[in-house]
């Protein structure tokens, strides 16, 4: 049995206690609630012990009383846990954004060169494909269909990657010039309107 199962059982008798127990586990807040509740009931700090305590009418009444007397505090504990979790997530996203901004601010050969490199590789691959097709036609023309079927997927995949690269590079240039990038569908809508 895990704490989620125990929370479902506790919620039947003490919803505020269940709310506090079910909060995010940030900073040990909910584990502190679990310790407080199980010690108030005089049971071991485990989900199974908490659920089995609910079968005892006296302990169940203690839990209900704890719920009623400390409802605001229990809900406040849950809100504190959620606030702490939101702050941690905000901090994490802030660090990710700083990293992304730092990467975008650096001007290196790889940042500006990987898209053109991909274009050159596509060109080299297409040249190799053409030479390969010529070799197949010269050596065994009956194998041409098999070779073409295999090569089509390679060319289509590389072409798709290159198409996305060209589009994103164009978007980057528009953003650097202070314009919002447009999509193909934007151009169609603009043409109709």
N, C-alpha and C. Protein backbone atom coordinates (compact mmCIF):
# COMPACT_ATOMS: atom_id res chain seq x y z
N UNK A 1 0.85 -1.18 0.00
CA UNK A 1 0.00 0.00 0.00
C UNK A 1 0.89 1.24 0.00
N UNK A 2 0.48 2.26 -0.76
CA UNK A 2 1.26 3.50 -0.78
C UNK A 2 0.42 4.64 -0.18
N UNK A 3 1.05 5.82 -0.11
CA UNK A 3 0.37 6.95 0.53
C UNK A 3 -0.86 7.40 -0.26
N UNK A 4 -0.82 7.27 -1.57
CA UNK A 4 -2.00 7.66 -2.38
C UNK A 4 -3.22 6.83 -1.99
N UNK A 5 -3.01 5.52 -1.79
CA UNK A 5 -4.11 4.65 -1.37
C UNK A 5 -4.62 5.06 0.01
N UNK A 6 -3.69 5.36 0.90
CA UNK A 6 -4.07 5.75 2.26
C UNK A 6 -4.84 7.06 2.25
N UNK A 7 -4.44 7.98 1.38
CA UNK A 7 -5.10 9.29 1.30
C UNK A 7 -6.56 9.12 0.88
N UNK A 8 -6.82 8.21 -0.04
CA UNK A 8 -8.20 7.96 -0.46
C UNK A 8 -9.06 7.48 0.71
N UNK A 9 -8.49 6.63 1.55
CA UNK A 9 -9.24 6.13 2.71
C UNK A 9 -9.42 7.23 3.75
N UNK A 10 -8.37 8.00 4.00
CA UNK A 10 -8.45 9.08 4.99
C UNK A 10 -9.48 10.12 4.56
N UNK A 11 -9.56 10.39 3.26
CA UNK A 11 -10.48 11.41 2.74
C UNK A 11 -11.94 11.10 3.07
N UNK A 12 -12.26 9.84 3.27
CA UNK A 12 -13.64 9.47 3.61
C UNK A 12 -14.05 10.02 4.98
N UNK A 13 -13.07 10.20 5.89
CA UNK A 13 -13.37 10.63 7.25
C UNK A 13 -12.81 12.02 7.55
N UNK A 14 -11.68 12.35 6.93
CA UNK A 14 -10.99 13.60 7.27
C UNK A 14 -10.45 14.25 6.00
N UNK A 15 -11.29 14.96 5.26
CA UNK A 15 -10.86 15.52 3.98
C UNK A 15 -9.71 16.53 4.09
N UNK A 16 -9.69 17.34 5.14
CA UNK A 16 -8.60 18.32 5.28
C UNK A 16 -7.27 17.61 5.54
N UNK A 17 -7.32 16.55 6.33
CA UNK A 17 -6.10 15.77 6.57
C UNK A 17 -5.63 15.14 5.26
N UNK A 18 -6.57 14.60 4.50
CA UNK A 18 -6.22 14.00 3.20
C UNK A 18 -5.64 15.04 2.26
N UNK A 19 -6.20 16.24 2.29
CA UNK A 19 -5.70 17.32 1.44
C UNK A 19 -4.25 17.64 1.78
N UNK A 20 -3.95 17.73 3.07
CA UNK A 20 -2.57 18.02 3.48
C UNK A 20 -1.64 16.86 3.15
N UNK A 21 -2.11 15.63 3.35
CA UNK A 21 -1.28 14.46 3.04
C UNK A 21 -1.03 14.34 1.54
N UNK A 22 -1.99 14.75 0.73
CA UNK A 22 -1.88 14.58 -0.71
C UNK A 22 -1.14 15.68 -1.42
N UNK A 23 -0.61 16.63 -0.69
CA UNK A 23 0.12 17.73 -1.32
C UNK A 23 1.44 17.28 -1.90
N UNK A 24 2.09 18.17 -2.63
CA UNK A 24 3.39 17.82 -3.19
C UNK A 24 4.40 17.57 -2.09
N UNK A 25 5.35 16.72 -2.36
CA UNK A 25 6.33 16.32 -1.36
C UNK A 25 7.51 17.27 -1.29
N UNK A 26 7.29 18.53 -1.57
CA UNK A 26 8.37 19.51 -1.59
C UNK A 26 8.76 19.87 -0.17
N UNK A 27 10.05 19.86 0.09
CA UNK A 27 10.56 20.30 1.38
C UNK A 27 10.11 19.46 2.56
N UNK A 28 9.60 18.29 2.34
CA UNK A 28 9.21 17.41 3.43
C UNK A 28 7.94 17.84 4.15
N UNK A 29 7.18 18.75 3.55
CA UNK A 29 5.98 19.27 4.21
C UNK A 29 4.95 18.16 4.40
N UNK A 30 4.65 17.42 3.35
CA UNK A 30 3.62 16.38 3.47
C UNK A 30 4.10 15.21 4.31
N UNK A 31 5.40 14.93 4.29
CA UNK A 31 5.89 13.86 5.16
C UNK A 31 5.79 14.30 6.61
N UNK A 32 5.92 15.60 6.86
CA UNK A 32 5.72 16.13 8.21
C UNK A 32 4.29 15.97 8.66
N UNK A 33 3.35 16.19 7.75
CA UNK A 33 1.93 15.99 8.06
C UNK A 33 1.67 14.52 8.37
N UNK A 34 2.24 13.64 7.58
CA UNK A 34 2.06 12.20 7.80
C UNK A 34 2.57 11.81 9.18
N UNK A 35 3.74 12.33 9.55
CA UNK A 35 4.31 12.03 10.86
C UNK A 35 3.40 12.57 11.96
N UNK A 36 2.91 13.79 11.79
CA UNK A 36 2.04 14.40 12.79
C UNK A 36 0.75 13.58 12.97
N UNK A 37 0.13 13.19 11.87
CA UNK A 37 -1.14 12.46 11.94
C UNK A 37 -0.94 11.08 12.55
N UNK A 38 0.06 10.35 12.09
CA UNK A 38 0.27 9.00 12.62
C UNK A 38 0.67 9.03 14.09
N UNK A 39 1.46 10.03 14.49
CA UNK A 39 1.82 10.10 15.91
C UNK A 39 0.61 10.51 16.76
N UNK A 40 -0.27 11.37 16.22
CA UNK A 40 -1.48 11.73 16.96
C UNK A 40 -2.39 10.52 17.15
N UNK A 41 -2.35 9.61 16.17
CA UNK A 41 -3.17 8.39 16.27
C UNK A 41 -2.45 7.29 17.04
N UNK A 42 -1.16 7.48 17.29
CA UNK A 42 -0.39 6.48 18.02
C UNK A 42 -0.09 5.24 17.20
N UNK A 43 0.12 5.44 15.89
CA UNK A 43 0.45 4.30 15.01
C UNK A 43 1.78 4.58 14.31
N UNK A 44 2.30 3.51 13.71
CA UNK A 44 3.55 3.62 12.95
C UNK A 44 3.32 4.54 11.75
N UNK A 45 4.37 5.25 11.34
CA UNK A 45 4.27 6.20 10.22
C UNK A 45 4.38 5.46 8.89
N UNK A 46 3.27 4.82 8.51
CA UNK A 46 3.23 4.11 7.22
C UNK A 46 1.80 4.16 6.70
N UNK A 47 1.63 4.05 5.40
CA UNK A 47 0.27 4.09 4.84
C UNK A 47 -0.61 2.96 5.37
N UNK A 48 -0.05 1.77 5.47
CA UNK A 48 -0.84 0.63 5.93
C UNK A 48 -1.29 0.82 7.38
N UNK A 49 -0.40 1.34 8.23
CA UNK A 49 -0.76 1.57 9.63
C UNK A 49 -1.85 2.63 9.74
N UNK A 50 -1.76 3.66 8.91
CA UNK A 50 -2.77 4.71 8.94
C UNK A 50 -4.14 4.17 8.52
N UNK A 51 -4.17 3.37 7.47
CA UNK A 51 -5.44 2.81 7.00
C UNK A 51 -6.01 1.84 8.03
N UNK A 52 -5.16 1.02 8.62
CA UNK A 52 -5.67 0.07 9.62
C UNK A 52 -6.16 0.81 10.87
N UNK A 53 -5.59 1.98 11.17
CA UNK A 53 -6.06 2.76 12.31
C UNK A 53 -7.49 3.26 12.09
N UNK A 54 -7.88 3.42 10.84
CA UNK A 54 -9.23 3.89 10.55
C UNK A 54 -10.30 2.87 10.93
N UNK A 55 -9.90 1.63 11.09
CA UNK A 55 -10.85 0.58 11.48
C UNK A 55 -11.19 0.67 12.97
N UNK A 56 -10.30 1.29 13.75
CA UNK A 56 -10.53 1.46 15.18
C UNK A 56 -11.40 2.72 15.37
N UNK A 57 -12.60 2.58 15.95
CA UNK A 57 -13.50 3.73 16.09
C UNK A 57 -12.89 4.88 16.89
N UNK A 58 -12.10 4.58 17.91
CA UNK A 58 -11.50 5.63 18.74
C UNK A 58 -10.48 6.41 17.91
N UNK A 59 -9.64 5.70 17.18
CA UNK A 59 -8.62 6.38 16.37
C UNK A 59 -9.27 7.13 15.20
N UNK A 60 -10.32 6.57 14.67
CA UNK A 60 -11.04 7.25 13.59
C UNK A 60 -11.64 8.56 14.12
N UNK A 61 -12.20 8.51 15.35
CA UNK A 61 -12.76 9.73 15.96
C UNK A 61 -11.65 10.75 16.22
N UNK A 62 -10.48 10.28 16.63
CA UNK A 62 -9.35 11.19 16.83
C UNK A 62 -8.97 11.86 15.52
N UNK A 63 -8.98 11.11 14.45
CA UNK A 63 -8.65 11.67 13.13
C UNK A 63 -9.69 12.70 12.71
N UNK A 64 -10.96 12.41 12.93
CA UNK A 64 -12.03 13.35 12.58
C UNK A 64 -11.89 14.63 13.42
N UNK A 65 -11.60 14.47 14.71
CA UNK A 65 -11.40 15.64 15.58
C UNK A 65 -10.20 16.46 15.12
N UNK A 66 -9.11 15.78 14.78
CA UNK A 66 -7.92 16.47 14.26
C UNK A 66 -8.28 17.24 12.99
N UNK A 67 -9.06 16.63 12.14
CA UNK A 67 -9.51 17.27 10.90
C UNK A 67 -10.33 18.53 11.21
N UNK A 68 -11.30 18.40 12.13
CA UNK A 68 -12.20 19.52 12.42
C UNK A 68 -11.50 20.65 13.16
N UNK A 69 -10.63 20.32 14.11
CA UNK A 69 -9.97 21.34 14.92
C UNK A 69 -8.86 22.07 14.16
N UNK A 70 -8.25 21.40 13.21
CA UNK A 70 -7.08 21.98 12.53
C UNK A 70 -7.28 22.09 11.02
N UNK A 71 -8.53 22.22 10.59
CA UNK A 71 -8.81 22.24 9.15
C UNK A 71 -8.06 23.36 8.44
N UNK A 72 -8.10 24.55 8.98
CA UNK A 72 -7.42 25.67 8.33
C UNK A 72 -5.92 25.44 8.23
N UNK A 73 -5.33 24.96 9.32
CA UNK A 73 -3.89 24.72 9.32
C UNK A 73 -3.52 23.64 8.31
N UNK A 74 -4.34 22.60 8.23
CA UNK A 74 -4.06 21.50 7.30
C UNK A 74 -4.15 21.97 5.85
N UNK A 75 -5.17 22.76 5.55
CA UNK A 75 -5.29 23.29 4.19
C UNK A 75 -4.14 24.25 3.91
N UNK A 76 -3.76 25.03 4.92
CA UNK A 76 -2.63 25.95 4.77
C UNK A 76 -1.34 25.19 4.49
N UNK A 77 -1.17 24.06 5.15
CA UNK A 77 0.03 23.23 4.91
C UNK A 77 0.06 22.78 3.45
N UNK A 78 -1.08 22.35 2.94
CA UNK A 78 -1.15 21.92 1.54
C UNK A 78 -0.80 23.09 0.61
N UNK A 79 -1.35 24.26 0.89
CA UNK A 79 -1.06 25.43 0.06
C UNK A 79 0.41 25.82 0.13
N UNK A 80 1.01 25.70 1.32
CA UNK A 80 2.44 25.99 1.46
C UNK A 80 3.27 25.02 0.61
N UNK A 81 2.86 23.76 0.62
CA UNK A 81 3.58 22.77 -0.18
C UNK A 81 3.45 23.07 -1.66
N UNK A 82 2.26 23.45 -2.09
CA UNK A 82 2.06 23.77 -3.51
C UNK A 82 2.82 25.04 -3.89
N UNK A 83 2.86 26.01 -2.98
CA UNK A 83 3.62 27.23 -3.24
C UNK A 83 5.10 26.91 -3.35
N UNK A 84 5.60 26.08 -2.45
CA UNK A 84 7.01 25.70 -2.51
C UNK A 84 7.32 24.95 -3.80
N UNK A 85 6.40 24.08 -4.21
CA UNK A 85 6.61 23.35 -5.46
C UNK A 85 6.61 24.32 -6.65
N UNK A 86 5.70 25.27 -6.65
CA UNK A 86 5.65 26.25 -7.75
C UNK A 86 6.92 27.09 -7.78
N UNK A 87 7.43 27.45 -6.60
CA UNK A 87 8.67 28.23 -6.55
C UNK A 87 9.85 27.42 -7.08
N UNK A 88 9.90 26.15 -6.73
CA UNK A 88 10.98 25.30 -7.25
C UNK A 88 10.89 25.15 -8.76
N UNK A 89 9.68 24.98 -9.28
CA UNK A 89 9.49 24.85 -10.72
C UNK A 89 9.84 26.15 -11.43
N UNK A 90 9.46 27.28 -10.83
CA UNK A 90 9.81 28.58 -11.40
C UNK A 90 11.32 28.76 -11.43
N UNK A 91 11.98 28.36 -10.36
CA UNK A 91 13.45 28.47 -10.31
C UNK A 91 14.08 27.58 -11.38
N UNK A 92 13.56 26.37 -11.53
CA UNK A 92 14.11 25.45 -12.53
C UNK A 92 13.92 26.02 -13.94
N UNK A 93 12.72 26.51 -14.22
CA UNK A 93 12.46 27.08 -15.55
C UNK A 93 13.29 28.33 -15.79
N UNK A 94 13.52 29.09 -14.74
CA UNK A 94 14.35 30.28 -14.86
C UNK A 94 15.78 29.90 -15.24
N UNK A 95 16.30 28.85 -14.62
CA UNK A 95 17.64 28.38 -14.95
C UNK A 95 17.71 27.85 -16.38
N UNK A 96 16.66 27.14 -16.80
CA UNK A 96 16.61 26.64 -18.18
C UNK A 96 16.60 27.82 -19.15
N UNK A 97 15.78 28.83 -18.85
CA UNK A 97 15.72 30.01 -19.72
C UNK A 97 17.05 30.73 -19.79
N UNK A 98 17.75 30.84 -18.65
CA UNK A 98 19.07 31.48 -18.65
C UNK A 98 20.04 30.70 -19.53
N UNK A 99 19.98 29.38 -19.45
CA UNK A 99 20.85 28.55 -20.27
C UNK A 99 20.55 28.74 -21.75
N UNK A 100 19.28 28.74 -22.09
CA UNK A 100 18.89 28.93 -23.49
C UNK A 100 19.34 30.29 -23.99
N UNK A 101 19.13 31.33 -23.17
CA UNK A 101 19.55 32.68 -23.58
C UNK A 101 21.06 32.75 -23.75
N UNK A 102 21.80 32.11 -22.86
CA UNK A 102 23.25 32.11 -22.98
C UNK A 102 23.69 31.40 -24.26
N UNK A 103 23.03 30.29 -24.58
CA UNK A 103 23.37 29.58 -25.81
C UNK A 103 23.05 30.42 -27.04
N UNK A 104 21.92 31.12 -27.00
CA UNK A 104 21.55 31.96 -28.14
C UNK A 104 22.47 33.16 -28.29
N UNK A 105 22.99 33.66 -27.17
CA UNK A 105 23.85 34.84 -27.22
C UNK A 105 25.24 34.52 -27.75
N UNK A 106 25.67 33.29 -27.64
CA UNK A 106 27.00 32.94 -28.12
C UNK A 106 27.00 32.84 -29.63
N UNK A 107 28.01 33.39 -30.22
CA UNK A 107 28.17 33.30 -31.67
C UNK A 107 29.39 32.42 -31.93
N UNK A 108 29.16 31.23 -32.35
CA UNK A 108 30.24 30.32 -32.67
C UNK A 108 30.03 29.73 -34.05
N UNK A 109 31.05 29.05 -34.54
CA UNK A 109 30.94 28.47 -35.88
C UNK A 109 29.84 27.42 -35.93
N UNK A 110 29.64 26.70 -34.82
CA UNK A 110 28.63 25.65 -34.86
C UNK A 110 27.23 26.24 -34.88
N UNK A 111 26.99 27.26 -34.08
CA UNK A 111 25.65 27.85 -34.03
C UNK A 111 25.25 28.40 -35.39
N UNK A 112 26.16 29.07 -36.05
CA UNK A 112 25.80 29.66 -37.34
C UNK A 112 26.07 28.71 -38.50
N UNK A 113 26.79 27.63 -38.26
CA UNK A 113 27.20 26.79 -39.37
C UNK A 113 26.54 25.44 -39.51
N UNK A 114 25.80 25.00 -38.51
CA UNK A 114 25.28 23.64 -38.60
C UNK A 114 24.19 23.51 -39.65
N UNK A 115 23.41 24.54 -39.86
CA UNK A 115 22.38 24.45 -40.90
C UNK A 115 23.00 24.42 -42.29
N UNK A 116 23.94 25.33 -42.59
CA UNK A 116 24.59 25.22 -43.91
C UNK A 116 25.34 23.89 -44.07
N UNK A 117 25.94 23.41 -42.98
CA UNK A 117 26.63 22.12 -43.04
C UNK A 117 25.66 21.02 -43.46
N UNK A 118 24.46 21.05 -42.88
CA UNK A 118 23.45 20.06 -43.25
C UNK A 118 23.09 20.18 -44.72
N UNK A 119 23.02 21.40 -45.23
CA UNK A 119 22.74 21.60 -46.65
C UNK A 119 23.83 21.02 -47.53
N UNK A 120 25.08 21.25 -47.14
CA UNK A 120 26.19 20.68 -47.91
C UNK A 120 26.17 19.15 -47.85
N UNK A 121 25.82 18.61 -46.69
CA UNK A 121 25.75 17.15 -46.58
C UNK A 121 24.63 16.59 -47.46
N UNK A 122 23.51 17.30 -47.54
CA UNK A 122 22.43 16.88 -48.42
C UNK A 122 22.90 16.89 -49.87
N UNK A 123 23.61 17.95 -50.24
CA UNK A 123 24.13 18.03 -51.61
C UNK A 123 25.10 16.90 -51.90
N UNK A 124 26.00 16.64 -50.96
CA UNK A 124 26.97 15.56 -51.14
C UNK A 124 26.26 14.21 -51.23
N UNK A 125 25.24 14.03 -50.39
CA UNK A 125 24.49 12.78 -50.42
C UNK A 125 23.76 12.59 -51.75
N UNK A 126 23.17 13.67 -52.24
CA UNK A 126 22.47 13.58 -53.52
C UNK A 126 23.45 13.27 -54.65
N UNK A 127 24.64 13.87 -54.58
CA UNK A 127 25.66 13.57 -55.60
C UNK A 127 26.05 12.09 -55.53
N UNK A 128 26.24 11.59 -54.30
CA UNK A 128 26.59 10.18 -54.14
C UNK A 128 25.47 9.28 -54.66
N UNK A 129 24.23 9.68 -54.40
CA UNK A 129 23.08 8.91 -54.89
C UNK A 129 23.10 8.85 -56.41
N UNK A 130 23.33 9.99 -57.03
CA UNK A 130 23.35 10.03 -58.50
C UNK A 130 24.47 9.16 -59.07
N UNK A 131 25.66 9.24 -58.46
CA UNK A 131 26.76 8.39 -58.92
C UNK A 131 26.42 6.91 -58.69
N UNK A 132 25.77 6.62 -57.57
CA UNK A 132 25.37 5.25 -57.29
C UNK A 132 24.35 4.73 -58.29
N UNK A 133 23.40 5.58 -58.65
CA UNK A 133 22.40 5.18 -59.64
C UNK A 133 23.05 4.90 -61.00
N UNK A 134 24.00 5.75 -61.38
CA UNK A 134 24.71 5.53 -62.64
C UNK A 134 25.45 4.19 -62.59
N UNK A 135 26.10 3.91 -61.45
CA UNK A 135 26.84 2.66 -61.31
C UNK A 135 25.88 1.46 -61.40
N UNK A 136 24.71 1.56 -60.77
CA UNK A 136 23.75 0.46 -60.82
C UNK A 136 23.25 0.25 -62.24
N UNK A 137 22.95 1.33 -62.93
CA UNK A 137 22.45 1.22 -64.32
C UNK A 137 23.51 0.55 -65.20
N UNK A 138 24.77 0.89 -64.99
CA UNK A 138 25.85 0.31 -65.80
C UNK A 138 26.05 -1.16 -65.46
N UNK A 139 26.07 -1.50 -64.17
CA UNK A 139 26.38 -2.87 -63.76
C UNK A 139 25.20 -3.83 -63.91
N UNK A 140 24.05 -3.48 -63.33
CA UNK A 140 22.90 -4.40 -63.36
C UNK A 140 21.61 -3.58 -63.35
N UNK A 141 21.12 -3.20 -64.50
CA UNK A 141 19.93 -2.35 -64.57
C UNK A 141 18.68 -2.96 -63.94
N UNK A 142 18.65 -4.27 -63.75
CA UNK A 142 17.47 -4.89 -63.15
C UNK A 142 17.33 -4.53 -61.66
N UNK A 143 18.40 -4.12 -61.03
CA UNK A 143 18.38 -3.76 -59.61
C UNK A 143 18.00 -2.29 -59.37
N UNK A 144 17.78 -1.55 -60.44
CA UNK A 144 17.51 -0.12 -60.32
C UNK A 144 16.29 0.17 -59.44
N UNK A 145 15.21 -0.58 -59.61
CA UNK A 145 14.00 -0.33 -58.84
C UNK A 145 14.25 -0.50 -57.34
N UNK A 146 14.96 -1.55 -56.95
CA UNK A 146 15.25 -1.80 -55.54
C UNK A 146 16.10 -0.67 -54.96
N UNK A 147 17.12 -0.27 -55.71
CA UNK A 147 18.02 0.78 -55.24
C UNK A 147 17.27 2.10 -55.10
N UNK A 148 16.44 2.42 -56.07
CA UNK A 148 15.69 3.68 -56.03
C UNK A 148 14.73 3.69 -54.84
N UNK A 149 14.07 2.59 -54.56
CA UNK A 149 13.14 2.54 -53.43
C UNK A 149 13.85 2.81 -52.11
N UNK A 150 15.04 2.27 -51.96
CA UNK A 150 15.81 2.49 -50.73
C UNK A 150 16.30 3.93 -50.66
N UNK A 151 16.80 4.44 -51.76
CA UNK A 151 17.38 5.78 -51.76
C UNK A 151 16.34 6.87 -51.60
N UNK A 152 15.13 6.62 -52.06
CA UNK A 152 14.08 7.64 -51.94
C UNK A 152 13.89 8.02 -50.47
N UNK A 153 13.87 7.04 -49.59
CA UNK A 153 13.65 7.35 -48.17
C UNK A 153 14.78 8.18 -47.61
N UNK A 154 16.00 7.89 -48.01
CA UNK A 154 17.14 8.68 -47.54
C UNK A 154 17.04 10.11 -48.02
N UNK A 155 16.73 10.29 -49.29
CA UNK A 155 16.64 11.63 -49.86
C UNK A 155 15.47 12.40 -49.24
N UNK A 156 14.34 11.74 -49.08
CA UNK A 156 13.18 12.41 -48.48
C UNK A 156 13.48 12.84 -47.04
N UNK A 157 14.10 11.96 -46.28
CA UNK A 157 14.42 12.30 -44.88
C UNK A 157 15.39 13.47 -44.82
N UNK A 158 16.46 13.41 -45.60
CA UNK A 158 17.43 14.51 -45.58
C UNK A 158 16.80 15.80 -46.10
N UNK A 159 15.99 15.69 -47.12
CA UNK A 159 15.32 16.88 -47.66
C UNK A 159 14.37 17.50 -46.65
N UNK A 160 13.67 16.67 -45.90
CA UNK A 160 12.75 17.19 -44.88
C UNK A 160 13.52 17.94 -43.79
N UNK A 161 14.62 17.34 -43.36
CA UNK A 161 15.45 18.01 -42.34
C UNK A 161 15.97 19.33 -42.88
N UNK A 162 16.43 19.33 -44.12
CA UNK A 162 16.95 20.56 -44.71
C UNK A 162 15.85 21.60 -44.86
N UNK A 163 14.65 21.18 -45.23
CA UNK A 163 13.53 22.11 -45.35
C UNK A 163 13.21 22.78 -44.02
N UNK A 164 13.18 21.99 -42.96
CA UNK A 164 12.93 22.56 -41.63
C UNK A 164 14.06 23.51 -41.25
N UNK A 165 15.30 23.12 -41.55
CA UNK A 165 16.44 23.99 -41.23
C UNK A 165 16.34 25.32 -41.95
N UNK A 166 15.99 25.29 -43.22
CA UNK A 166 15.87 26.52 -43.99
C UNK A 166 14.78 27.40 -43.40
N UNK A 167 13.64 26.80 -43.07
CA UNK A 167 12.53 27.57 -42.49
C UNK A 167 12.93 28.19 -41.16
N UNK A 168 13.57 27.41 -40.29
CA UNK A 168 13.94 27.94 -38.98
C UNK A 168 15.02 29.01 -39.10
N UNK A 169 15.93 28.85 -40.03
CA UNK A 169 16.97 29.88 -40.24
C UNK A 169 16.32 31.17 -40.72
N UNK A 170 15.34 31.06 -41.60
CA UNK A 170 14.61 32.24 -42.06
C UNK A 170 13.86 32.90 -40.91
N UNK A 171 13.24 32.08 -40.06
CA UNK A 171 12.56 32.62 -38.89
C UNK A 171 13.53 33.34 -37.97
N UNK A 172 14.71 32.74 -37.74
CA UNK A 172 15.73 33.36 -36.89
C UNK A 172 16.14 34.72 -37.45
N UNK A 173 16.33 34.79 -38.75
CA UNK A 173 16.73 36.06 -39.37
C UNK A 173 15.63 37.10 -39.21
N UNK A 174 14.37 36.70 -39.37
CA UNK A 174 13.27 37.65 -39.20
C UNK A 174 13.20 38.15 -37.76
N UNK A 175 13.40 37.27 -36.81
CA UNK A 175 13.38 37.67 -35.41
C UNK A 175 14.52 38.64 -35.13
N UNK A 176 15.71 38.38 -35.68
CA UNK A 176 16.85 39.28 -35.47
C UNK A 176 16.58 40.66 -36.07
N UNK A 177 15.77 40.72 -37.11
CA UNK A 177 15.44 42.00 -37.73
C UNK A 177 14.22 42.65 -37.07
N UNK A 178 13.67 42.00 -36.04
CA UNK A 178 12.57 42.58 -35.29
C UNK A 178 11.19 42.30 -35.86
N UNK A 179 11.10 41.36 -36.77
CA UNK A 179 9.81 40.99 -37.34
C UNK A 179 9.38 39.63 -36.82
N UNK A 180 8.08 39.46 -36.72
CA UNK A 180 7.55 38.16 -36.30
C UNK A 180 7.59 37.21 -37.49
N UNK A 181 8.11 36.00 -37.29
CA UNK A 181 8.15 35.04 -38.40
C UNK A 181 6.74 34.65 -38.84
N UNK A 182 6.58 34.45 -40.13
CA UNK A 182 5.28 34.04 -40.66
C UNK A 182 5.35 32.59 -41.11
N UNK A 183 4.20 31.98 -41.11
CA UNK A 183 4.14 30.59 -41.56
C UNK A 183 3.55 30.53 -42.96
N UNK A 184 3.59 29.37 -43.54
CA UNK A 184 3.01 29.15 -44.86
C UNK A 184 1.51 29.46 -44.83
N UNK A 185 0.85 29.02 -43.76
CA UNK A 185 -0.59 29.27 -43.64
C UNK A 185 -0.89 30.76 -43.48
N UNK A 186 0.01 31.50 -42.79
CA UNK A 186 -0.17 32.95 -42.69
C UNK A 186 -0.14 33.60 -44.07
N UNK A 187 0.78 33.14 -44.91
CA UNK A 187 0.89 33.68 -46.26
C UNK A 187 -0.37 33.38 -47.07
N UNK A 188 -0.93 32.20 -46.92
CA UNK A 188 -2.16 31.85 -47.63
C UNK A 188 -3.32 32.71 -47.14
N UNK A 189 -3.43 32.88 -45.82
CA UNK A 189 -4.51 33.70 -45.27
C UNK A 189 -4.39 35.15 -45.75
N UNK A 190 -3.15 35.64 -45.78
CA UNK A 190 -2.91 37.01 -46.21
C UNK A 190 -3.29 37.18 -47.69
N UNK A 191 -3.00 36.18 -48.49
CA UNK A 191 -3.32 36.23 -49.92
C UNK A 191 -4.82 36.23 -50.17
N UNK A 192 -5.57 35.51 -49.33
CA UNK A 192 -7.03 35.45 -49.50
C UNK A 192 -7.70 36.72 -48.99
N UNK A 193 -7.11 37.36 -47.99
CA UNK A 193 -7.75 38.50 -47.34
C UNK A 193 -7.43 39.75 -47.98
